[in-house]
């Protein structure tokens, strides 16, 4: 992957106040995840191959049409993966802050 989980979490920590003030942090997390998905086919294929296998074929759960092509399916899988990771990081960063 071009970005590690630790780097992702560090970047998110910097954006956390703005996300929480927005009132819709989930939308912001989705946008952040979209930013991690590469644009070029070679990069998409390379990152998809490095992605944990449990995210392979995640596109099936989102109603993506297989006729769109393999790169579109890989892109969807990558988005699902990055969104899961950024959501996990968000939960770790906000855990316990509500108790303060």
N, C-alpha and C. Protein backbone atom coordinates (compact mmCIF):
# COMPACT_ATOMS: atom_id res chain seq x y z
N UNK A 1 0.84 -1.16 0.00
CA UNK A 1 0.00 0.00 0.00
C UNK A 1 0.90 1.25 0.00
N UNK A 2 0.41 2.27 -0.57
CA UNK A 2 1.21 3.48 -0.62
C UNK A 2 1.14 4.24 0.71
N UNK A 3 0.17 3.92 1.53
CA UNK A 3 0.05 4.57 2.84
C UNK A 3 -0.18 3.49 3.89
N UNK A 4 0.53 3.61 4.98
CA UNK A 4 0.37 2.63 6.05
C UNK A 4 -0.80 3.05 6.94
N UNK A 5 -1.24 2.11 7.75
CA UNK A 5 -2.33 2.39 8.68
C UNK A 5 -1.92 3.50 9.66
N UNK A 6 -0.67 3.44 10.13
CA UNK A 6 -0.17 4.45 11.07
C UNK A 6 -0.18 5.84 10.43
N UNK A 7 0.23 5.93 9.16
CA UNK A 7 0.21 7.22 8.46
C UNK A 7 -1.22 7.71 8.27
N UNK A 8 -2.11 6.78 7.95
CA UNK A 8 -3.51 7.12 7.76
C UNK A 8 -4.09 7.69 9.06
N UNK A 9 -3.78 7.01 10.15
CA UNK A 9 -4.30 7.43 11.45
C UNK A 9 -3.72 8.79 11.85
N UNK A 10 -2.45 9.01 11.56
CA UNK A 10 -1.81 10.29 11.87
C UNK A 10 -2.46 11.43 11.08
N UNK A 11 -2.71 11.21 9.79
CA UNK A 11 -3.38 12.22 8.97
C UNK A 11 -4.79 12.50 9.49
N UNK A 12 -5.47 11.44 9.87
CA UNK A 12 -6.84 11.58 10.38
C UNK A 12 -6.85 12.38 11.68
N UNK A 13 -5.87 12.15 12.53
CA UNK A 13 -5.80 12.88 13.80
C UNK A 13 -5.74 14.39 13.57
N UNK A 14 -5.07 14.80 12.51
CA UNK A 14 -4.97 16.22 12.20
C UNK A 14 -6.31 16.79 11.70
N UNK A 15 -7.10 15.95 11.06
CA UNK A 15 -8.39 16.40 10.52
C UNK A 15 -9.56 16.14 11.46
N UNK A 16 -9.29 15.50 12.57
CA UNK A 16 -10.34 15.09 13.50
C UNK A 16 -11.22 16.23 13.99
N UNK A 17 -10.67 17.35 14.44
CA UNK A 17 -11.56 18.43 14.93
C UNK A 17 -12.55 18.90 13.86
N UNK A 18 -12.07 19.05 12.64
CA UNK A 18 -12.94 19.49 11.55
C UNK A 18 -14.02 18.46 11.25
N UNK A 19 -13.65 17.19 11.27
CA UNK A 19 -14.62 16.12 11.02
C UNK A 19 -15.72 16.13 12.07
N UNK A 20 -15.33 16.26 13.31
CA UNK A 20 -16.31 16.22 14.40
C UNK A 20 -17.20 17.45 14.40
N UNK A 21 -16.67 18.59 14.01
CA UNK A 21 -17.46 19.81 13.95
C UNK A 21 -18.47 19.78 12.81
N UNK A 22 -18.18 19.00 11.79
CA UNK A 22 -19.07 18.96 10.62
C UNK A 22 -20.44 18.39 10.94
N UNK A 23 -20.52 17.56 11.96
CA UNK A 23 -21.79 16.93 12.30
C UNK A 23 -22.04 15.66 11.50
N UNK A 24 -21.26 15.43 10.45
CA UNK A 24 -21.39 14.24 9.62
C UNK A 24 -20.02 13.64 9.37
N UNK A 25 -19.37 13.12 10.42
CA UNK A 25 -18.01 12.60 10.23
C UNK A 25 -17.94 11.43 9.25
N UNK A 26 -19.01 10.67 9.13
CA UNK A 26 -19.01 9.52 8.21
C UNK A 26 -18.78 9.98 6.76
N UNK A 27 -19.39 11.11 6.39
CA UNK A 27 -19.19 11.64 5.04
C UNK A 27 -17.73 12.03 4.83
N UNK A 28 -17.14 12.64 5.82
CA UNK A 28 -15.74 13.02 5.74
C UNK A 28 -14.83 11.81 5.64
N UNK A 29 -15.15 10.76 6.39
CA UNK A 29 -14.36 9.54 6.33
C UNK A 29 -14.42 8.90 4.95
N UNK A 30 -15.60 8.94 4.35
CA UNK A 30 -15.76 8.41 3.00
C UNK A 30 -14.91 9.20 2.01
N UNK A 31 -14.91 10.50 2.14
CA UNK A 31 -14.10 11.34 1.25
C UNK A 31 -12.61 11.09 1.44
N UNK A 32 -12.20 10.92 2.68
CA UNK A 32 -10.79 10.62 2.94
C UNK A 32 -10.41 9.29 2.31
N UNK A 33 -11.26 8.28 2.47
CA UNK A 33 -11.00 6.96 1.89
C UNK A 33 -10.89 7.06 0.37
N UNK A 34 -11.76 7.82 -0.25
CA UNK A 34 -11.72 8.01 -1.70
C UNK A 34 -10.39 8.60 -2.15
N UNK A 35 -9.83 9.47 -1.31
CA UNK A 35 -8.56 10.09 -1.63
C UNK A 35 -7.38 9.14 -1.64
N UNK A 36 -7.51 8.03 -0.96
CA UNK A 36 -6.43 7.03 -0.92
C UNK A 36 -6.45 6.09 -2.12
N UNK A 37 -7.57 5.99 -2.78
CA UNK A 37 -7.69 5.08 -3.93
C UNK A 37 -6.94 5.70 -5.12
N UNK A 38 -6.00 4.96 -5.68
CA UNK A 38 -5.23 5.51 -6.80
C UNK A 38 -6.08 5.70 -8.05
N UNK A 39 -5.60 6.55 -8.93
CA UNK A 39 -6.34 6.86 -10.16
C UNK A 39 -5.86 6.07 -11.36
N UNK A 40 -4.61 5.67 -11.35
CA UNK A 40 -4.04 5.01 -12.53
C UNK A 40 -4.15 3.49 -12.42
N UNK A 41 -4.43 2.86 -13.54
CA UNK A 41 -4.68 1.43 -13.60
C UNK A 41 -3.54 0.62 -12.97
N UNK A 42 -2.30 0.93 -13.32
CA UNK A 42 -1.18 0.16 -12.77
C UNK A 42 -1.13 0.26 -11.25
N UNK A 43 -1.39 1.46 -10.73
CA UNK A 43 -1.39 1.65 -9.28
C UNK A 43 -2.56 0.92 -8.62
N UNK A 44 -3.71 0.95 -9.27
CA UNK A 44 -4.88 0.24 -8.74
C UNK A 44 -4.58 -1.25 -8.64
N UNK A 45 -4.04 -1.82 -9.70
CA UNK A 45 -3.73 -3.25 -9.71
C UNK A 45 -2.68 -3.57 -8.64
N UNK A 46 -1.65 -2.76 -8.56
CA UNK A 46 -0.58 -3.00 -7.58
C UNK A 46 -1.11 -2.94 -6.15
N UNK A 47 -1.88 -1.92 -5.83
CA UNK A 47 -2.41 -1.80 -4.47
C UNK A 47 -3.43 -2.89 -4.17
N UNK A 48 -4.24 -3.23 -5.14
CA UNK A 48 -5.24 -4.28 -4.93
C UNK A 48 -4.55 -5.60 -4.60
N UNK A 49 -3.42 -5.88 -5.25
CA UNK A 49 -2.68 -7.11 -4.99
C UNK A 49 -2.09 -7.14 -3.59
N UNK A 50 -1.79 -5.98 -3.03
CA UNK A 50 -1.21 -5.89 -1.69
C UNK A 50 -2.27 -5.81 -0.60
N UNK A 51 -3.50 -5.52 -0.97
CA UNK A 51 -4.60 -5.37 -0.04
C UNK A 51 -4.90 -6.72 0.63
N UNK A 52 -5.31 -6.74 1.91
CA UNK A 52 -5.69 -8.01 2.55
C UNK A 52 -6.79 -8.71 1.76
N UNK A 53 -6.67 -10.02 1.63
CA UNK A 53 -7.57 -10.79 0.78
C UNK A 53 -9.02 -10.79 1.23
N UNK A 54 -9.27 -10.50 2.49
CA UNK A 54 -10.67 -10.50 2.93
C UNK A 54 -11.49 -9.38 2.30
N UNK A 55 -10.82 -8.44 1.65
CA UNK A 55 -11.53 -7.36 0.96
C UNK A 55 -11.73 -7.64 -0.52
N UNK A 56 -11.13 -8.72 -1.01
CA UNK A 56 -11.34 -9.10 -2.41
C UNK A 56 -12.81 -9.39 -2.65
N UNK A 57 -13.30 -8.98 -3.76
CA UNK A 57 -14.68 -9.21 -4.18
C UNK A 57 -15.72 -8.54 -3.29
N UNK A 58 -15.29 -7.52 -2.55
CA UNK A 58 -16.24 -6.75 -1.74
C UNK A 58 -17.25 -6.03 -2.60
N UNK A 59 -16.89 -5.79 -3.84
CA UNK A 59 -17.79 -5.11 -4.77
C UNK A 59 -19.11 -5.84 -4.91
N UNK A 60 -19.11 -7.16 -4.68
CA UNK A 60 -20.33 -7.96 -4.83
C UNK A 60 -21.42 -7.51 -3.85
N UNK A 61 -21.00 -7.01 -2.69
CA UNK A 61 -21.96 -6.58 -1.67
C UNK A 61 -22.50 -5.18 -1.93
N UNK A 62 -21.96 -4.50 -2.94
CA UNK A 62 -22.36 -3.12 -3.21
C UNK A 62 -23.10 -2.95 -4.53
N UNK A 63 -23.44 -4.05 -5.15
CA UNK A 63 -24.25 -3.98 -6.36
C UNK A 63 -23.53 -3.43 -7.57
N UNK A 64 -22.21 -3.50 -7.56
CA UNK A 64 -21.44 -3.03 -8.70
C UNK A 64 -21.59 -4.04 -9.83
N UNK A 65 -21.81 -3.56 -11.01
CA UNK A 65 -21.99 -4.42 -12.17
C UNK A 65 -20.63 -4.94 -12.64
N UNK A 66 -20.48 -6.25 -12.69
CA UNK A 66 -19.22 -6.87 -13.11
C UNK A 66 -18.85 -6.49 -14.54
N UNK A 67 -19.83 -6.06 -15.32
CA UNK A 67 -19.55 -5.68 -16.71
C UNK A 67 -18.76 -4.37 -16.80
N UNK A 68 -18.63 -3.67 -15.68
CA UNK A 68 -17.88 -2.41 -15.68
C UNK A 68 -16.38 -2.65 -15.88
N UNK A 69 -15.94 -3.87 -15.68
CA UNK A 69 -14.54 -4.21 -15.89
C UNK A 69 -13.80 -4.46 -14.59
N UNK A 70 -12.73 -5.19 -14.71
CA UNK A 70 -11.97 -5.62 -13.55
C UNK A 70 -11.36 -4.45 -12.78
N UNK A 71 -10.91 -3.43 -13.48
CA UNK A 71 -10.30 -2.28 -12.79
C UNK A 71 -11.34 -1.56 -11.94
N UNK A 72 -12.55 -1.42 -12.43
CA UNK A 72 -13.62 -0.79 -11.64
C UNK A 72 -13.93 -1.62 -10.40
N UNK A 73 -13.90 -2.93 -10.54
CA UNK A 73 -14.16 -3.81 -9.40
C UNK A 73 -13.04 -3.71 -8.38
N UNK A 74 -11.80 -3.67 -8.86
CA UNK A 74 -10.66 -3.52 -7.96
C UNK A 74 -10.71 -2.18 -7.24
N UNK A 75 -11.11 -1.15 -7.95
CA UNK A 75 -11.22 0.19 -7.36
C UNK A 75 -12.25 0.18 -6.23
N UNK A 76 -13.37 -0.49 -6.45
CA UNK A 76 -14.40 -0.59 -5.42
C UNK A 76 -13.87 -1.34 -4.21
N UNK A 77 -13.16 -2.46 -4.45
CA UNK A 77 -12.56 -3.21 -3.34
C UNK A 77 -11.59 -2.34 -2.54
N UNK A 78 -10.77 -1.57 -3.24
CA UNK A 78 -9.83 -0.69 -2.55
C UNK A 78 -10.55 0.37 -1.72
N UNK A 79 -11.61 0.92 -2.28
CA UNK A 79 -12.38 1.92 -1.52
C UNK A 79 -12.96 1.29 -0.26
N UNK A 80 -13.49 0.11 -0.37
CA UNK A 80 -14.06 -0.59 0.79
C UNK A 80 -12.97 -0.81 1.84
N UNK A 81 -11.79 -1.23 1.39
CA UNK A 81 -10.67 -1.47 2.30
C UNK A 81 -10.26 -0.17 3.02
N UNK A 82 -10.03 0.88 2.24
CA UNK A 82 -9.59 2.14 2.84
C UNK A 82 -10.65 2.73 3.77
N UNK A 83 -11.90 2.59 3.40
CA UNK A 83 -12.95 3.10 4.27
C UNK A 83 -13.00 2.32 5.59
N UNK A 84 -12.79 1.02 5.53
CA UNK A 84 -12.75 0.22 6.76
C UNK A 84 -11.58 0.65 7.64
N UNK A 85 -10.43 0.89 7.03
CA UNK A 85 -9.25 1.28 7.79
C UNK A 85 -9.41 2.68 8.40
N UNK A 86 -9.94 3.62 7.64
CA UNK A 86 -10.09 4.98 8.15
C UNK A 86 -11.17 5.03 9.23
N UNK A 87 -12.20 4.20 9.10
CA UNK A 87 -13.24 4.11 10.13
C UNK A 87 -12.67 3.52 11.40
N UNK A 88 -11.85 2.50 11.27
CA UNK A 88 -11.19 1.88 12.43
C UNK A 88 -10.31 2.92 13.13
N UNK A 89 -9.54 3.67 12.37
CA UNK A 89 -8.67 4.70 12.94
C UNK A 89 -9.51 5.77 13.65
N UNK A 90 -10.62 6.16 13.05
CA UNK A 90 -11.51 7.16 13.65
C UNK A 90 -12.03 6.67 14.99
N UNK A 91 -12.46 5.43 15.03
CA UNK A 91 -12.99 4.87 16.29
C UNK A 91 -11.90 4.83 17.35
N UNK A 92 -10.68 4.47 16.97
CA UNK A 92 -9.58 4.45 17.93
C UNK A 92 -9.27 5.86 18.45
N UNK A 93 -9.30 6.83 17.56
CA UNK A 93 -8.97 8.20 17.96
C UNK A 93 -10.05 8.84 18.82
N UNK A 94 -11.30 8.46 18.59
CA UNK A 94 -12.40 9.09 19.33
C UNK A 94 -12.80 8.29 20.56
N UNK A 95 -12.30 7.09 20.69
CA UNK A 95 -12.64 6.23 21.83
C UNK A 95 -12.22 6.92 23.13
N UNK A 96 -13.14 7.05 24.03
CA UNK A 96 -12.83 7.65 25.32
C UNK A 96 -12.94 9.17 25.35
N UNK A 97 -12.92 9.83 24.20
CA UNK A 97 -13.02 11.29 24.19
C UNK A 97 -14.41 11.76 24.60
N UNK A 98 -15.41 10.91 24.38
CA UNK A 98 -16.77 11.29 24.76
C UNK A 98 -16.94 11.29 26.26
N UNK A 99 -16.07 10.52 26.96
CA UNK A 99 -16.16 10.44 28.41
C UNK A 99 -15.55 11.65 29.11
N UNK A 100 -14.76 12.43 28.38
CA UNK A 100 -14.06 13.58 28.97
C UNK A 100 -15.01 14.72 29.28
